[in-house]
């Protein structure tokens, strides 16, 4: 099967069965999502969602976060991975939002990456989720699933390489949705250690599954 056909099957399946995917992080405005995404690095969305209500109550705006100390913020996020660094990043992010962006979360990925704690992946998430821009955030789920399905080559060794291949094949108007499709499929079906192949609806074009079948036949 040609790569373009795999993309066609991938897109058709999710457009039919999951037409309006959403992030699982809880937020009510761009600022809250930015905070949540920064906290979610190497941490589960579930843990972040348990942590953010009290944090958002204490620091409901960038202005509140900008005048906090990292030690104060730490007390709210101590259960999150790497709380010391993330507390410093959040305070720095709040100050920069206030001082340089008039407390408005920027839409440009270039501007977003100027903020402390915001790398390319986080910037792509914000641009995609908030502004529906054709950006593809590549986390471990996207990296794994896109390779298993055969949407990207096995020689793609970095998130950036995977990102470039995905956005070159997926229609621009669907990239922000495809980001969620890949993440959620990886989180609940195509898991890292025990992929749920017997119940997966994508096995008819999945390279990983096809290889498993061939191996099974040989054995």
C-alpha atoms as a PDB file:
ATOM      1  CA  UNK A   1       0.000   0.000   0.000  1.00  0.00           C
ATOM      2  CA  UNK A   2       1.333   3.426  -0.937  1.00  0.00           C
ATOM      3  CA  UNK A   3       1.815   6.027   1.754  1.00  0.00           C
ATOM      4  CA  UNK A   4      -0.808   8.331   0.273  1.00  0.00           C
ATOM      5  CA  UNK A   5      -3.354   5.507   0.537  1.00  0.00           C
ATOM      6  CA  UNK A   6      -2.501   5.015   4.210  1.00  0.00           C
ATOM      7  CA  UNK A   7      -3.153   8.684   4.864  1.00  0.00           C
ATOM      8  CA  UNK A   8      -6.437   8.444   3.018  1.00  0.00           C
ATOM      9  CA  UNK A   9      -7.564   5.502   5.147  1.00  0.00           C
ATOM     10  CA  UNK A  10      -6.368   7.257   8.315  1.00  0.00           C
ATOM     11  CA  UNK A  11      -8.214  10.481   7.551  1.00  0.00           C
ATOM     12  CA  UNK A  12     -11.405   8.814   6.353  1.00  0.00           C
ATOM     13  CA  UNK A  13     -11.619   6.657   9.472  1.00  0.00           C
ATOM     14  CA  UNK A  14     -11.241   9.468  11.959  1.00  0.00           C
ATOM     15  CA  UNK A  15     -13.375  11.961  10.043  1.00  0.00           C
ATOM     16  CA  UNK A  16     -16.190   9.436  10.274  1.00  0.00           C
ATOM     17  CA  UNK A  17     -15.675   8.091  13.783  1.00  0.00           C
ATOM     18  CA  UNK A  18     -14.042  11.011  15.618  1.00  0.00           C
ATOM     19  CA  UNK A  19     -14.861  14.195  13.687  1.00  0.00           C
ATOM     20  CA  UNK A  20     -14.330  16.673  16.520  1.00  0.00           C
ATOM     21  CA  UNK A  21     -11.433  15.574  18.759  1.00  0.00           C
ATOM     22  CA  UNK A  22     -10.511  17.705  21.744  1.00  0.00           C
ATOM     23  CA  UNK A  23      -7.586  17.949  24.117  1.00  0.00           C
ATOM     24  CA  UNK A  24      -8.104  16.134  27.415  1.00  0.00           C
ATOM     25  CA  UNK A  25      -6.540  18.969  29.380  1.00  0.00           C
ATOM     26  CA  UNK A  26      -9.123  21.058  31.235  1.00  0.00           C
ATOM     27  CA  UNK A  27      -9.010  24.794  30.561  1.00  0.00           C
ATOM     28  CA  UNK A  28     -11.342  27.737  30.040  1.00  0.00           C
ATOM     29  CA  UNK A  29      -9.090  30.211  28.204  1.00  0.00           C
ATOM     30  CA  UNK A  30      -5.778  30.324  26.288  1.00  0.00           C
ATOM     31  CA  UNK A  31      -3.783  31.295  29.369  1.00  0.00           C
ATOM     32  CA  UNK A  32      -5.038  28.268  31.302  1.00  0.00           C
ATOM     33  CA  UNK A  33      -4.269  25.927  28.425  1.00  0.00           C
ATOM     34  CA  UNK A  34      -0.751  27.329  28.169  1.00  0.00           C
ATOM     35  CA  UNK A  35      -0.194  26.674  31.869  1.00  0.00           C
ATOM     36  CA  UNK A  36      -1.642  23.176  31.578  1.00  0.00           C
ATOM     37  CA  UNK A  37       0.477  22.251  28.556  1.00  0.00           C
ATOM     38  CA  UNK A  38       3.652  23.454  30.269  1.00  0.00           C
ATOM     39  CA  UNK A  39       2.763  21.275  33.255  1.00  0.00           C
ATOM     40  CA  UNK A  40       1.938  18.280  31.053  1.00  0.00           C
ATOM     41  CA  UNK A  41       5.517  17.790  29.851  1.00  0.00           C
ATOM     42  CA  UNK A  42       6.469  14.245  30.935  1.00  0.00           C
ATOM     43  CA  UNK A  43       3.320  14.111  33.029  1.00  0.00           C
ATOM     44  CA  UNK A  44      -0.141  12.691  32.426  1.00  0.00           C
ATOM     45  CA  UNK A  45      -3.112  14.890  31.530  1.00  0.00           C
ATOM     46  CA  UNK A  46      -5.002  13.231  34.391  1.00  0.00           C
ATOM     47  CA  UNK A  47      -2.457  14.395  36.947  1.00  0.00           C
ATOM     48  CA  UNK A  48      -2.384  17.890  35.435  1.00  0.00           C
ATOM     49  CA  UNK A  49      -6.187  18.121  35.588  1.00  0.00           C
ATOM     50  CA  UNK A  50      -6.097  17.185  39.269  1.00  0.00           C
ATOM     51  CA  UNK A  51      -3.561  19.927  39.930  1.00  0.00           C
ATOM     52  CA  UNK A  52      -4.734  22.914  37.890  1.00  0.00           C
ATOM     53  CA  UNK A  53      -8.046  23.821  39.604  1.00  0.00           C
ATOM     54  CA  UNK A  54      -6.314  25.093  42.752  1.00  0.00           C
ATOM     55  CA  UNK A  55      -3.521  26.641  40.688  1.00  0.00           C
ATOM     56  CA  UNK A  56      -5.963  28.507  38.438  1.00  0.00           C
ATOM     57  CA  UNK A  57      -7.889  29.714  41.491  1.00  0.00           C
ATOM     58  CA  UNK A  58      -4.715  31.117  43.028  1.00  0.00           C
ATOM     59  CA  UNK A  59      -3.379  32.546  39.764  1.00  0.00           C
ATOM     60  CA  UNK A  60      -6.387  33.219  37.493  1.00  0.00           C
ATOM     61  CA  UNK A  61      -4.542  35.604  35.158  1.00  0.00           C
ATOM     62  CA  UNK A  62      -1.013  36.171  33.855  1.00  0.00           C
ATOM     63  CA  UNK A  63      -0.844  39.235  36.118  1.00  0.00           C
ATOM     64  CA  UNK A  64      -1.356  37.086  39.207  1.00  0.00           C
ATOM     65  CA  UNK A  65       1.273  34.601  38.065  1.00  0.00           C
ATOM     66  CA  UNK A  66       3.750  37.356  37.192  1.00  0.00           C
ATOM     67  CA  UNK A  67       3.949  38.644  40.771  1.00  0.00           C
ATOM     68  CA  UNK A  68       4.218  35.193  42.360  1.00  0.00           C
ATOM     69  CA  UNK A  69       7.412  33.505  43.441  1.00  0.00           C
ATOM     70  CA  UNK A  70       8.452  30.098  42.177  1.00  0.00           C
ATOM     71  CA  UNK A  71       8.340  28.799  45.758  1.00  0.00           C
ATOM     72  CA  UNK A  72       4.697  29.855  46.031  1.00  0.00           C
ATOM     73  CA  UNK A  73       3.780  28.224  42.734  1.00  0.00           C
ATOM     74  CA  UNK A  74       5.672  25.082  43.724  1.00  0.00           C
ATOM     75  CA  UNK A  75       3.251  24.441  46.587  1.00  0.00           C
ATOM     76  CA  UNK A  76       0.415  24.019  44.066  1.00  0.00           C
ATOM     77  CA  UNK A  77       2.274  21.798  41.598  1.00  0.00           C
ATOM     78  CA  UNK A  78       4.414  19.644  43.882  1.00  0.00           C
ATOM     79  CA  UNK A  79       2.685  16.473  42.614  1.00  0.00           C
ATOM     80  CA  UNK A  80       3.636  17.263  39.010  1.00  0.00           C
ATOM     81  CA  UNK A  81       6.853  15.950  37.471  1.00  0.00           C
ATOM     82  CA  UNK A  82       9.790  18.374  37.724  1.00  0.00           C
ATOM     83  CA  UNK A  83       7.869  20.865  39.903  1.00  0.00           C
ATOM     84  CA  UNK A  84      10.858  23.089  40.692  1.00  0.00           C
ATOM     85  CA  UNK A  85      11.695  23.813  37.066  1.00  0.00           C
ATOM     86  CA  UNK A  86       8.065  24.128  36.048  1.00  0.00           C
ATOM     87  CA  UNK A  87       7.338  26.575  38.882  1.00  0.00           C
ATOM     88  CA  UNK A  88      10.176  28.798  37.643  1.00  0.00           C
ATOM     89  CA  UNK A  89       8.960  28.476  34.060  1.00  0.00           C
ATOM     90  CA  UNK A  90       5.398  29.422  34.978  1.00  0.00           C
ATOM     91  CA  UNK A  91       6.440  32.542  36.844  1.00  0.00           C
ATOM     92  CA  UNK A  92       8.753  33.563  34.024  1.00  0.00           C
ATOM     93  CA  UNK A  93       6.041  32.859  31.478  1.00  0.00           C
ATOM     94  CA  UNK A  94       3.549  35.005  33.408  1.00  0.00           C
ATOM     95  CA  UNK A  95       5.991  37.921  33.563  1.00  0.00           C
ATOM     96  CA  UNK A  96       6.775  37.729  29.849  1.00  0.00           C
ATOM     97  CA  UNK A  97       3.107  37.492  28.889  1.00  0.00           C
ATOM     98  CA  UNK A  98       2.421  40.658  30.868  1.00  0.00           C
ATOM     99  CA  UNK A  99       5.524  42.607  29.878  1.00  0.00           C
ATOM    100  CA  UNK A 100       5.857  41.676  26.210  1.00  0.00           C
ATOM    101  CA  UNK A 101       2.485  40.406  25.021  1.00  0.00           C
ATOM    102  CA  UNK A 102      -0.033  42.540  26.939  1.00  0.00           C
ATOM    103  CA  UNK A 103      -1.181  39.411  28.802  1.00  0.00           C
ATOM    104  CA  UNK A 104      -2.400  37.835  25.564  1.00  0.00           C
ATOM    105  CA  UNK A 105      -1.188  34.353  24.597  1.00  0.00           C
ATOM    106  CA  UNK A 106       0.444  34.854  21.179  1.00  0.00           C
ATOM    107  CA  UNK A 107      -0.691  32.920  18.130  1.00  0.00           C
ATOM    108  CA  UNK A 108       2.736  32.764  16.506  1.00  0.00           C
ATOM    109  CA  UNK A 109       4.780  29.670  17.309  1.00  0.00           C
ATOM    110  CA  UNK A 110       7.889  31.856  17.105  1.00  0.00           C
ATOM    111  CA  UNK A 111       6.546  34.195  19.790  1.00  0.00           C
ATOM    112  CA  UNK A 112       5.257  31.298  21.873  1.00  0.00           C
ATOM    113  CA  UNK A 113       8.704  29.714  21.966  1.00  0.00           C
ATOM    114  CA  UNK A 114      10.095  32.890  23.526  1.00  0.00           C
ATOM    115  CA  UNK A 115       8.117  32.084  26.665  1.00  0.00           C
ATOM    116  CA  UNK A 116       9.900  30.164  29.462  1.00  0.00           C
ATOM    117  CA  UNK A 117       8.945  26.504  29.473  1.00  0.00           C
ATOM    118  CA  UNK A 118       7.598  26.591  25.932  1.00  0.00           C
ATOM    119  CA  UNK A 119       9.386  24.512  23.308  1.00  0.00           C
ATOM    120  CA  UNK A 120       8.332  23.639  19.799  1.00  0.00           C
ATOM    121  CA  UNK A 121       5.880  20.933  20.895  1.00  0.00           C
ATOM    122  CA  UNK A 122       4.096  23.166  23.400  1.00  0.00           C
ATOM    123  CA  UNK A 123       3.974  26.045  20.926  1.00  0.00           C
ATOM    124  CA  UNK A 124       2.451  23.768  18.308  1.00  0.00           C
ATOM    125  CA  UNK A 125      -0.197  22.565  20.757  1.00  0.00           C
ATOM    126  CA  UNK A 126      -1.270  26.119  21.612  1.00  0.00           C
ATOM    127  CA  UNK A 127      -1.283  27.245  17.990  1.00  0.00           C
ATOM    128  CA  UNK A 128      -3.269  24.181  17.002  1.00  0.00           C
ATOM    129  CA  UNK A 129      -5.810  23.987  19.838  1.00  0.00           C
ATOM    130  CA  UNK A 130      -6.437  27.691  20.418  1.00  0.00           C
ATOM    131  CA  UNK A 131      -5.892  29.152  16.979  1.00  0.00           C
ATOM    132  CA  UNK A 132      -6.630  26.119  14.749  1.00  0.00           C
ATOM    133  CA  UNK A 133      -3.340  26.593  12.957  1.00  0.00           C
ATOM    134  CA  UNK A 134      -1.891  23.745  10.850  1.00  0.00           C
ATOM    135  CA  UNK A 135       0.758  22.815  13.405  1.00  0.00           C
ATOM    136  CA  UNK A 136       1.575  19.261  14.469  1.00  0.00           C
ATOM    137  CA  UNK A 137       2.827  18.735  18.008  1.00  0.00           C
ATOM    138  CA  UNK A 138       4.796  15.494  18.123  1.00  0.00           C
ATOM    139  CA  UNK A 139       4.789  13.835  21.526  1.00  0.00           C
ATOM    140  CA  UNK A 140       5.632  10.217  22.299  1.00  0.00           C
ATOM    141  CA  UNK A 141       2.172   9.049  21.198  1.00  0.00           C
ATOM    142  CA  UNK A 142       2.282  10.845  17.845  1.00  0.00           C
ATOM    143  CA  UNK A 143       5.835   9.659  17.262  1.00  0.00           C
ATOM    144  CA  UNK A 144       4.974   6.019  17.999  1.00  0.00           C
ATOM    145  CA  UNK A 145       1.587   5.787  16.271  1.00  0.00           C
ATOM    146  CA  UNK A 146       2.594   7.564  13.078  1.00  0.00           C
ATOM    147  CA  UNK A 147       5.504   5.155  12.690  1.00  0.00           C
ATOM    148  CA  UNK A 148       3.492   2.050  13.477  1.00  0.00           C
ATOM    149  CA  UNK A 149       0.765   2.980  11.019  1.00  0.00           C
ATOM    150  CA  UNK A 150       3.339   3.682   8.332  1.00  0.00           C
ATOM    151  CA  UNK A 151       2.447   7.351   7.981  1.00  0.00           C
ATOM    152  CA  UNK A 152       6.091   8.300   8.396  1.00  0.00           C
ATOM    153  CA  UNK A 153       9.267   6.449   7.523  1.00  0.00           C
ATOM    154  CA  UNK A 154      11.088   4.320  10.072  1.00  0.00           C
ATOM    155  CA  UNK A 155      14.190   6.410   9.388  1.00  0.00           C
ATOM    156  CA  UNK A 156      12.572   9.479  10.963  1.00  0.00           C
ATOM    157  CA  UNK A 157      14.547   9.712  14.198  1.00  0.00           C
ATOM    158  CA  UNK A 158      13.420  13.027  15.668  1.00  0.00           C
ATOM    159  CA  UNK A 159      10.062  14.662  16.462  1.00  0.00           C
ATOM    160  CA  UNK A 160      10.839  17.372  13.912  1.00  0.00           C
ATOM    161  CA  UNK A 161      11.370  14.815  11.146  1.00  0.00           C
ATOM    162  CA  UNK A 162       8.070  13.138  12.019  1.00  0.00           C
ATOM    163  CA  UNK A 163       6.316  16.511  12.157  1.00  0.00           C
ATOM    164  CA  UNK A 164       7.548  17.518   8.708  1.00  0.00           C
ATOM    165  CA  UNK A 165       6.413  14.257   7.130  1.00  0.00           C
ATOM    166  CA  UNK A 166       2.970  14.396   8.714  1.00  0.00           C
ATOM    167  CA  UNK A 167       2.207  17.973   7.718  1.00  0.00           C
ATOM    168  CA  UNK A 168       3.357  17.304   4.167  1.00  0.00           C
ATOM    169  CA  UNK A 169       0.626  14.677   3.675  1.00  0.00           C
ATOM    170  CA  UNK A 170      -2.269  15.781   5.885  1.00  0.00           C
ATOM    171  CA  UNK A 171      -4.494  18.555   4.472  1.00  0.00           C
ATOM    172  CA  UNK A 172      -3.860  21.835   6.283  1.00  0.00           C
ATOM    173  CA  UNK A 173      -7.433  22.143   7.479  1.00  0.00           C
ATOM    174  CA  UNK A 174      -7.186  18.765   9.236  1.00  0.00           C
ATOM    175  CA  UNK A 175      -3.740  18.988  10.835  1.00  0.00           C
ATOM    176  CA  UNK A 176      -5.063  20.405  14.116  1.00  0.00           C
ATOM    177  CA  UNK A 177      -7.502  17.482  14.320  1.00  0.00           C
ATOM    178  CA  UNK A 178      -4.996  14.840  13.215  1.00  0.00           C
ATOM    179  CA  UNK A 179      -2.783  15.874  16.132  1.00  0.00           C
ATOM    180  CA  UNK A 180      -5.508  14.759  18.549  1.00  0.00           C
ATOM    181  CA  UNK A 181      -6.394  11.672  16.519  1.00  0.00           C
ATOM    182  CA  UNK A 182      -2.848  10.364  16.812  1.00  0.00           C
ATOM    183  CA  UNK A 183      -2.463  11.253  20.488  1.00  0.00           C
ATOM    184  CA  UNK A 184      -5.738   9.715  21.594  1.00  0.00           C
ATOM    185  CA  UNK A 185      -5.260   6.603  19.481  1.00  0.00           C
ATOM    186  CA  UNK A 186      -1.847   6.159  21.065  1.00  0.00           C
ATOM    187  CA  UNK A 187      -3.156   6.792  24.547  1.00  0.00           C
ATOM    188  CA  UNK A 188      -6.041   4.328  24.453  1.00  0.00           C
ATOM    189  CA  UNK A 189      -5.500   1.845  21.614  1.00  0.00           C
ATOM    190  CA  UNK A 190      -1.985   1.829  20.163  1.00  0.00           C
ATOM    191  CA  UNK A 191      -0.293   1.875  23.550  1.00  0.00           C
ATOM    192  CA  UNK A 192       3.462   1.571  23.885  1.00  0.00           C
ATOM    193  CA  UNK A 193       3.743  -1.795  25.626  1.00  0.00           C
ATOM    194  CA  UNK A 194       0.520  -3.614  24.791  1.00  0.00           C
ATOM    195  CA  UNK A 195      -1.131  -2.221  21.663  1.00  0.00           C
ATOM    196  CA  UNK A 196      -4.761  -3.294  21.379  1.00  0.00           C
ATOM    197  CA  UNK A 197      -4.441  -4.703  17.859  1.00  0.00           C
ATOM    198  CA  UNK A 198      -7.361  -7.186  18.177  1.00  0.00           C
ATOM    199  CA  UNK A 199      -9.802  -4.310  18.769  1.00  0.00           C
ATOM    200  CA  UNK A 200      -8.140  -1.686  16.582  1.00  0.00           C
ATOM    201  CA  UNK A 201     -10.029  -0.422  13.528  1.00  0.00           C
ATOM    202  CA  UNK A 202      -6.870   0.581  11.653  1.00  0.00           C
ATOM    203  CA  UNK A 203      -5.228  -2.810  11.181  1.00  0.00           C
ATOM    204  CA  UNK A 204      -6.203  -2.970   7.495  1.00  0.00           C
ATOM    205  CA  UNK A 205      -3.535  -0.387   6.690  1.00  0.00           C
ATOM    206  CA  UNK A 206      -1.232  -0.567   9.716  1.00  0.00           C
ATOM    207  CA  UNK A 207       2.353  -1.567   8.904  1.00  0.00           C
ATOM    208  CA  UNK A 208       3.005  -2.688  12.466  1.00  0.00           C
ATOM    209  CA  UNK A 209       0.045  -5.073  12.444  1.00  0.00           C
ATOM    210  CA  UNK A 210       0.919  -6.403   9.005  1.00  0.00           C
ATOM    211  CA  UNK A 211       4.428  -7.221  10.205  1.00  0.00           C
ATOM    212  CA  UNK A 212       3.006  -9.005  13.244  1.00  0.00           C
ATOM    213  CA  UNK A 213       0.821 -11.111  10.984  1.00  0.00           C
ATOM    214  CA  UNK A 214       3.725 -12.056   8.755  1.00  0.00           C
ATOM    215  CA  UNK A 215       5.839 -13.004  11.771  1.00  0.00           C
ATOM    216  CA  UNK A 216       2.986 -15.104  13.145  1.00  0.00           C
ATOM    217  CA  UNK A 217       2.615 -16.955   9.858  1.00  0.00           C
ATOM    218  CA  UNK A 218       6.340 -17.722   9.671  1.00  0.00           C
ATOM    219  CA  UNK A 219       6.336 -19.049  13.212  1.00  0.00           C
END
